[in-house]
């Protein structure tokens, strides 16, 4: 009984802490969707050199698109003139980061890790794009044919919008529709799974993983890679899991590896990219994600030692202040949003995504697109 209480209490505490940051992140995502035209993105990503890679990586950082939804976006951008190195860097930063996940990281893990996370993602993208410039021939377009069925939600295809809104009311409606309907449908199921896993870690894992040699070093980082690379978990949902792992004794660097590799890879994305861009593209993509995650994890741990900064996850709320009241109100609003979107089909979409991105490891069957 005590374990059950601890499980649900841990989930509720984390949920209250992340709720205001999630709502703010969704709002920012809606504003990005409405106010950044598609043609601007296509023009910025159309170059062939390092500057285009840097620009594409920077563009992907604030965009809240998951690893499977980013593939059709990338295919469309490539058809419109974006180079393969630019696409590769975009494919890395976009699922690894986003306005929603950055805000949640700030709330649970503090500003230092919230800033370090997109910087590490940018480094991995720059590494991959640089190798792609030298090793890929962008003129080879034989793999980019008909649009691939991702088996996932397709909200990512609507991330950029060329239609201009006229008036405050129309802009608000479009921001609301994208942020709290389309984006919420994409996130709420995986966020629920992430919270459940975080609660399970709090209950099931021993309080000091350092006793088992998992505090720091290459072993916990490799374990994080082995768990995160084949499975699907979005950037927002991975954050409470990382916070719970740090509480149990995993180093922030190992948690950073999980935060980078988990959202950027899964077996479905790998298969889709191989079909669309070829095996060499995917080998560079995967190698740079793994190398970038490990280098970033080591560098982050080393930086923490040098600076004397400690990453202490915030796992409890201040219930006797304005901040605590704001967290309560935000949590209730987020619960209402999740119930509303689950009622309108987000649960079915999430279950289909979970099947196509996880159980495809054990079966070649795919749920047909509805």
Protein backbone atom coordinates (compact mmCIF):
# COMPACT_ATOMS: atom_id res chain seq x y z
CA UNK A 1 0.00 0.00 0.00
CA UNK A 2 2.84 2.39 0.84
CA UNK A 3 4.44 1.72 -2.55
CA UNK A 4 1.17 2.49 -4.32
CA UNK A 5 0.85 5.76 -2.41
CA UNK A 6 4.46 6.65 -3.25
CA UNK A 7 3.84 5.82 -6.92
CA UNK A 8 0.82 8.09 -7.33
CA UNK A 9 2.20 10.81 -5.06
CA UNK A 10 5.39 10.95 -7.12
CA UNK A 11 3.44 11.20 -10.37
CA UNK A 12 1.19 13.94 -8.97
CA UNK A 13 4.13 15.98 -7.69
CA UNK A 14 5.91 15.79 -11.05
CA UNK A 15 2.69 16.55 -12.91
CA UNK A 16 2.04 19.71 -10.89
CA UNK A 17 5.57 20.92 -11.49
CA UNK A 18 5.55 20.39 -15.25
CA UNK A 19 1.95 21.51 -15.93
CA UNK A 20 2.57 25.28 -16.18
CA UNK A 21 5.67 24.75 -18.32
CA UNK A 22 3.79 22.36 -20.61
CA UNK A 23 0.93 24.82 -21.14
CA UNK A 24 3.35 27.67 -21.84
CA UNK A 25 5.33 25.46 -24.21
CA UNK A 26 2.21 24.49 -26.15
CA UNK A 27 1.23 28.14 -26.44
CA UNK A 28 4.66 29.04 -27.81
CA UNK A 29 4.43 26.16 -30.28
CA UNK A 30 1.12 27.50 -31.55
CA UNK A 31 2.61 30.96 -31.99
CA UNK A 32 5.55 29.55 -33.95
CA UNK A 33 3.13 27.69 -36.20
CA UNK A 34 1.07 30.78 -36.95
CA UNK A 35 3.77 33.41 -37.31
CA UNK A 36 6.58 31.56 -39.17
CA UNK A 37 5.70 31.03 -42.88
CA UNK A 38 6.70 27.80 -44.62
CA UNK A 39 8.48 29.59 -47.48
CA UNK A 40 10.84 31.31 -45.03
CA UNK A 41 11.94 27.95 -43.61
CA UNK A 42 12.42 26.48 -47.08
CA UNK A 43 14.57 29.43 -48.15
CA UNK A 44 16.76 29.25 -45.05
CA UNK A 45 17.33 25.50 -45.47
CA UNK A 46 17.99 25.60 -49.21
CA UNK A 47 21.75 26.19 -49.10
CA UNK A 48 24.43 23.57 -49.66
CA UNK A 49 27.11 24.51 -47.14
CA UNK A 50 27.79 24.66 -43.44
CA UNK A 51 25.76 27.84 -42.96
CA UNK A 52 22.64 26.02 -44.14
CA UNK A 53 23.37 23.17 -41.72
CA UNK A 54 23.74 25.63 -38.84
CA UNK A 55 20.54 27.43 -39.82
CA UNK A 56 18.57 24.19 -40.15
CA UNK A 57 19.77 22.98 -36.76
CA UNK A 58 18.78 26.29 -35.17
CA UNK A 59 15.35 26.19 -36.83
CA UNK A 60 14.69 22.72 -35.45
CA UNK A 61 15.44 23.57 -31.80
CA UNK A 62 12.16 25.35 -30.90
CA UNK A 63 9.88 23.19 -33.06
CA UNK A 64 7.90 20.61 -31.04
CA UNK A 65 7.78 17.73 -33.55
CA UNK A 66 8.47 14.12 -32.60
CA UNK A 67 10.88 11.78 -34.37
CA UNK A 68 8.31 10.06 -36.57
CA UNK A 69 6.33 13.18 -37.48
CA UNK A 70 9.49 15.05 -38.47
CA UNK A 71 10.21 12.60 -41.31
CA UNK A 72 7.35 13.66 -43.64
CA UNK A 73 8.20 17.29 -42.89
CA UNK A 74 11.81 16.64 -43.89
CA UNK A 75 10.79 14.84 -47.06
CA UNK A 76 8.63 17.76 -48.10
CA UNK A 77 11.39 20.27 -47.31
CA UNK A 78 13.86 18.19 -49.35
CA UNK A 79 11.49 18.20 -52.31
CA UNK A 80 11.27 21.98 -52.00
CA UNK A 81 15.04 22.36 -52.25
CA UNK A 82 16.53 21.73 -48.80
CA UNK A 83 19.87 19.91 -49.01
CA UNK A 84 20.50 16.53 -47.41
CA UNK A 85 23.00 17.91 -44.87
CA UNK A 86 20.43 20.54 -43.88
CA UNK A 87 17.74 17.88 -43.59
CA UNK A 88 19.98 15.72 -41.42
CA UNK A 89 20.69 18.51 -38.95
CA UNK A 90 16.98 19.40 -38.90
CA UNK A 91 16.08 15.75 -38.25
CA UNK A 92 18.24 15.76 -35.11
CA UNK A 93 17.44 19.02 -33.34
CA UNK A 94 13.71 18.98 -34.08
CA UNK A 95 12.70 15.84 -32.12
CA UNK A 96 15.41 16.26 -29.47
CA UNK A 97 14.23 19.71 -28.49
CA UNK A 98 11.18 21.97 -28.62
CA UNK A 99 9.51 24.80 -26.78
CA UNK A 100 7.49 22.36 -24.68
CA UNK A 101 10.39 20.09 -23.69
CA UNK A 102 12.69 23.05 -22.93
CA UNK A 103 10.08 24.53 -20.62
CA UNK A 104 9.51 21.19 -18.86
CA UNK A 105 13.27 20.68 -18.48
CA UNK A 106 13.51 24.13 -16.90
CA UNK A 107 10.74 23.25 -14.46
CA UNK A 108 12.02 19.81 -13.43
CA UNK A 109 15.79 20.03 -13.88
CA UNK A 110 16.57 23.73 -13.68
CA UNK A 111 17.78 26.40 -16.10
CA UNK A 112 21.32 25.05 -16.51
CA UNK A 113 20.15 21.72 -17.94
CA UNK A 114 17.35 23.41 -19.88
CA UNK A 115 19.97 25.51 -21.68
CA UNK A 116 22.48 22.67 -22.05
CA UNK A 117 19.94 20.32 -23.64
CA UNK A 118 19.32 22.30 -26.87
CA UNK A 119 23.02 23.22 -27.06
CA UNK A 120 23.93 19.52 -26.96
CA UNK A 121 21.28 18.80 -29.58
CA UNK A 122 22.70 21.57 -31.77
CA UNK A 123 26.19 20.06 -31.42
CA UNK A 124 24.96 16.63 -32.55
CA UNK A 125 23.16 18.19 -35.51
CA UNK A 126 26.21 20.22 -36.52
CA UNK A 127 28.37 17.09 -36.28
CA UNK A 128 25.98 15.12 -38.48
CA UNK A 129 25.52 17.91 -41.01
CA UNK A 130 29.26 18.42 -41.33
CA UNK A 131 29.84 14.73 -42.07
CA UNK A 132 26.91 14.73 -44.48
CA UNK A 133 28.44 17.61 -46.47
CA UNK A 134 31.54 15.54 -47.12
CA UNK A 135 30.02 12.07 -47.47
CA UNK A 136 26.63 12.54 -49.14
CA UNK A 137 25.79 13.49 -52.70
CA UNK A 138 22.71 15.64 -52.51
CA UNK A 139 22.06 15.18 -56.23
CA UNK A 140 21.13 11.54 -55.58
CA UNK A 141 17.36 11.81 -55.12
CA UNK A 142 16.32 8.31 -56.07
CA UNK A 143 15.19 7.57 -52.52
CA UNK A 144 12.90 10.56 -52.28
CA UNK A 145 9.83 9.35 -54.08
CA UNK A 146 6.28 8.94 -52.94
CA UNK A 147 5.44 10.07 -49.47
CA UNK A 148 6.08 7.38 -46.89
CA UNK A 149 3.33 6.39 -44.49
CA UNK A 150 4.95 6.99 -41.16
CA UNK A 151 2.41 5.03 -39.21
CA UNK A 152 2.27 8.02 -36.90
CA UNK A 153 0.23 11.13 -36.50
CA UNK A 154 0.87 13.65 -39.26
CA UNK A 155 0.60 16.86 -37.29
CA UNK A 156 4.24 17.55 -38.00
CA UNK A 157 3.40 18.16 -41.64
CA UNK A 158 1.45 21.23 -40.58
CA UNK A 159 4.23 22.75 -38.50
CA UNK A 160 4.73 25.67 -40.86
CA UNK A 161 1.90 27.73 -42.28
CA UNK A 162 1.87 30.07 -45.27
CA UNK A 163 -1.61 31.42 -44.61
CA UNK A 164 -1.59 34.75 -42.84
CA UNK A 165 -4.09 35.36 -40.08
CA UNK A 166 -6.08 38.57 -40.19
CA UNK A 167 -7.06 40.06 -36.86
CA UNK A 168 -6.44 39.05 -33.28
CA UNK A 169 -9.44 36.70 -33.11
CA UNK A 170 -8.38 34.67 -36.14
CA UNK A 171 -4.78 34.47 -34.91
CA UNK A 172 -5.95 33.31 -31.49
CA UNK A 173 -8.20 30.64 -33.03
CA UNK A 174 -5.36 29.27 -35.15
CA UNK A 175 -2.92 29.31 -32.23
CA UNK A 176 -5.49 27.52 -30.06
CA UNK A 177 -6.26 24.95 -32.75
CA UNK A 178 -2.64 24.03 -33.31
CA UNK A 179 -1.37 24.26 -29.72
CA UNK A 180 -4.20 22.79 -27.70
CA UNK A 181 -5.75 20.43 -30.23
CA UNK A 182 -3.21 19.22 -32.79
CA UNK A 183 -0.09 19.47 -30.63
CA UNK A 184 -1.95 18.27 -27.54
CA UNK A 185 -3.16 15.20 -29.45
CA UNK A 186 0.45 14.47 -30.33
CA UNK A 187 1.81 14.83 -26.80
CA UNK A 188 -0.76 13.83 -24.15
CA UNK A 189 -0.50 10.06 -24.56
CA UNK A 190 3.30 9.92 -24.55
CA UNK A 191 3.38 12.37 -21.65
CA UNK A 192 1.11 10.03 -19.68
CA UNK A 193 3.40 7.10 -20.44
CA UNK A 194 6.42 9.14 -19.38
CA UNK A 195 4.78 10.08 -16.08
CA UNK A 196 3.88 6.45 -15.37
CA UNK A 197 7.45 5.35 -16.09
CA UNK A 198 8.79 8.12 -13.85
CA UNK A 199 6.52 6.92 -11.05
CA UNK A 200 7.68 3.35 -11.62
CA UNK A 201 11.32 4.43 -11.39
CA UNK A 202 10.62 6.26 -8.12
CA UNK A 203 9.08 3.11 -6.62
CA UNK A 204 11.10 0.28 -8.17
CA UNK A 205 14.65 1.63 -8.43
CA UNK A 206 16.93 1.65 -5.37
CA UNK A 207 17.62 5.03 -3.84
CA UNK A 208 21.33 5.02 -4.63
CA UNK A 209 22.29 3.55 -7.99
CA UNK A 210 25.89 4.59 -7.31
CA UNK A 211 26.18 1.48 -5.16
CA UNK A 212 25.74 -0.56 -8.36
CA UNK A 213 28.35 1.39 -10.32
CA UNK A 214 25.75 3.31 -12.32
CA UNK A 215 26.39 6.82 -11.01
CA UNK A 216 28.70 8.00 -13.80
CA UNK A 217 31.03 6.83 -16.53
CA UNK A 218 30.49 4.98 -19.79
CA UNK A 219 28.38 2.08 -18.45
CA UNK A 220 25.24 4.06 -17.50
CA UNK A 221 25.53 6.07 -20.72
CA UNK A 222 25.66 2.90 -22.81
CA UNK A 223 22.67 1.55 -20.89
CA UNK A 224 20.78 4.76 -21.65
CA UNK A 225 21.65 4.36 -25.34
CA UNK A 226 20.61 0.71 -25.43
CA UNK A 227 17.23 1.57 -23.92
CA UNK A 228 16.52 4.77 -25.82
CA UNK A 229 17.70 4.15 -29.39
CA UNK A 230 15.21 1.45 -30.51
CA UNK A 231 12.17 2.70 -28.59
CA UNK A 232 9.99 5.73 -29.12
CA UNK A 233 9.60 8.45 -26.52
CA UNK A 234 9.08 12.12 -27.27
CA UNK A 235 11.19 14.93 -25.83
CA UNK A 236 8.54 16.08 -23.37
CA UNK A 237 7.79 12.59 -22.04
CA UNK A 238 11.48 11.76 -21.63
CA UNK A 239 12.05 14.67 -19.23
CA UNK A 240 10.23 13.36 -16.11
CA UNK A 241 11.91 9.98 -16.67
CA UNK A 242 15.32 11.66 -16.74
CA UNK A 243 14.46 13.61 -13.59
CA UNK A 244 13.49 10.39 -11.78
CA UNK A 245 16.71 8.69 -12.91
CA UNK A 246 18.83 11.56 -11.58
CA UNK A 247 17.01 11.38 -8.25
CA UNK A 248 17.92 7.68 -8.07
CA UNK A 249 21.62 8.38 -8.65
CA UNK A 250 22.21 8.39 -12.42
CA UNK A 251 24.57 11.20 -13.41
CA UNK A 252 23.09 14.20 -15.25
CA UNK A 253 25.40 13.34 -18.16
CA UNK A 254 23.88 9.87 -18.50
CA UNK A 255 20.42 11.43 -18.26
CA UNK A 256 21.46 13.85 -21.03
CA UNK A 257 22.34 10.86 -23.23
CA UNK A 258 18.81 9.55 -22.68
CA UNK A 259 17.26 12.96 -23.41
CA UNK A 260 19.16 13.22 -26.70
CA UNK A 261 19.08 9.68 -28.09
CA UNK A 262 15.56 8.73 -27.00
CA UNK A 263 13.50 11.37 -28.83
CA UNK A 264 15.69 11.34 -31.97
CA UNK A 265 15.56 7.63 -32.76
CA UNK A 266 13.25 4.67 -32.97
CA UNK A 267 13.03 1.68 -35.28
CA UNK A 268 10.19 3.13 -37.36
CA UNK A 269 12.03 6.39 -38.01
CA UNK A 270 15.17 4.47 -38.97
CA UNK A 271 13.21 2.35 -41.46
CA UNK A 272 11.48 5.39 -42.97
CA UNK A 273 14.72 7.34 -43.36
CA UNK A 274 16.46 4.35 -44.96
CA UNK A 275 13.68 4.05 -47.52
CA UNK A 276 13.59 7.76 -48.31
CA UNK A 277 17.23 8.86 -48.10
CA UNK A 278 19.29 5.67 -48.30
CA UNK A 279 21.49 3.57 -46.05
CA UNK A 280 24.51 5.89 -46.05
CA UNK A 281 22.35 8.79 -44.87
CA UNK A 282 20.99 6.72 -41.98
CA UNK A 283 24.41 5.38 -40.96
CA UNK A 284 25.78 8.92 -40.69
CA UNK A 285 22.60 10.02 -38.90
CA UNK A 286 22.71 7.24 -36.30
CA UNK A 287 26.48 7.40 -35.75
CA UNK A 288 26.38 11.14 -35.12
CA UNK A 289 23.39 10.90 -32.77
CA UNK A 290 25.16 8.23 -30.70
CA UNK A 291 28.53 10.00 -30.78
CA UNK A 292 26.95 13.39 -30.10
CA UNK A 293 24.96 12.03 -27.16
CA UNK A 294 27.99 10.34 -25.56
CA UNK A 295 30.27 13.35 -26.08
CA UNK A 296 27.59 15.70 -24.74
CA UNK A 297 26.97 13.48 -21.73
CA UNK A 298 30.65 13.33 -20.81
CA UNK A 299 31.12 17.06 -21.45
CA UNK A 300 28.09 17.93 -19.34
CA UNK A 301 29.28 15.88 -16.36
CA UNK A 302 32.75 17.40 -16.69
CA UNK A 303 31.31 20.92 -16.88
CA UNK A 304 29.28 20.30 -13.73
CA UNK A 305 32.43 19.22 -11.88
CA UNK A 306 34.37 22.27 -13.07
CA UNK A 307 31.60 24.74 -12.30
CA UNK A 308 30.48 23.17 -9.04
CA UNK A 309 26.88 23.26 -10.24
CA UNK A 310 24.58 20.48 -9.03
CA UNK A 311 21.54 19.31 -10.97
CA UNK A 312 18.91 18.67 -8.32
CA UNK A 313 15.54 17.73 -9.84
CA UNK A 314 12.56 19.57 -8.40
CA UNK A 315 10.25 16.76 -7.32
CA UNK A 316 8.01 18.63 -4.90
CA UNK A 317 5.95 21.80 -5.16
CA UNK A 318 5.61 24.87 -2.98
CA UNK A 319 2.03 24.53 -1.74
CA UNK A 320 1.99 27.65 0.45
CA UNK A 321 2.66 30.42 -2.06
CA UNK A 322 1.38 32.01 -5.23
CA UNK A 323 3.66 29.65 -7.16
CA UNK A 324 2.01 26.63 -5.56
CA UNK A 325 -1.45 27.97 -6.39
CA UNK A 326 -0.39 28.62 -9.97
CA UNK A 327 0.92 25.05 -10.24
CA UNK A 328 -2.35 23.66 -8.90
CA UNK A 329 -4.43 25.69 -11.35
CA UNK A 330 -2.13 24.73 -14.24
CA UNK A 331 -2.32 21.06 -13.26
CA UNK A 332 -6.12 21.15 -13.24
CA UNK A 333 -6.16 22.90 -16.62
CA UNK A 334 -3.76 20.34 -18.08
CA UNK A 335 -5.87 17.48 -16.69
CA UNK A 336 -8.94 19.00 -18.33
CA UNK A 337 -7.03 19.35 -21.62
CA UNK A 338 -5.82 15.75 -21.48
CA UNK A 339 -9.28 14.36 -20.71
CA UNK A 340 -10.76 16.42 -23.55
CA UNK A 341 -8.17 15.25 -26.09
CA UNK A 342 -8.29 11.62 -24.94
CA UNK A 343 -12.08 11.74 -25.34
CA UNK A 344 -11.59 13.04 -28.89
CA UNK A 345 -9.26 10.26 -30.02
CA UNK A 346 -5.79 11.10 -28.72
CA UNK A 347 -5.68 7.80 -26.82
CA UNK A 348 -6.32 5.79 -29.98
CA UNK A 349 -3.69 7.78 -31.88
CA UNK A 350 -1.22 7.31 -29.04
CA UNK A 351 -1.81 3.57 -28.87
CA UNK A 352 -1.26 3.27 -32.61
CA UNK A 353 1.98 5.24 -32.32
CA UNK A 354 3.09 3.08 -29.40
CA UNK A 355 2.48 -0.08 -31.41
CA UNK A 356 4.15 1.16 -34.58
CA UNK A 357 7.19 2.54 -32.73
CA UNK A 358 7.70 -0.13 -30.06
CA UNK A 359 6.10 -3.47 -30.80
CA UNK A 360 7.31 -3.30 -34.39
CA UNK A 361 10.55 -4.53 -32.80
CA UNK A 362 8.87 -7.90 -32.37
CA UNK A 363 6.41 -7.93 -35.25
CA UNK A 364 6.37 -6.73 -38.84
CA UNK A 365 2.67 -6.01 -38.69
CA UNK A 366 1.64 -2.37 -38.73
CA UNK A 367 -1.65 -0.81 -37.83
CA UNK A 368 -3.18 0.56 -40.99
CA UNK A 369 -3.53 4.30 -41.26
CA UNK A 370 -6.99 5.49 -40.33
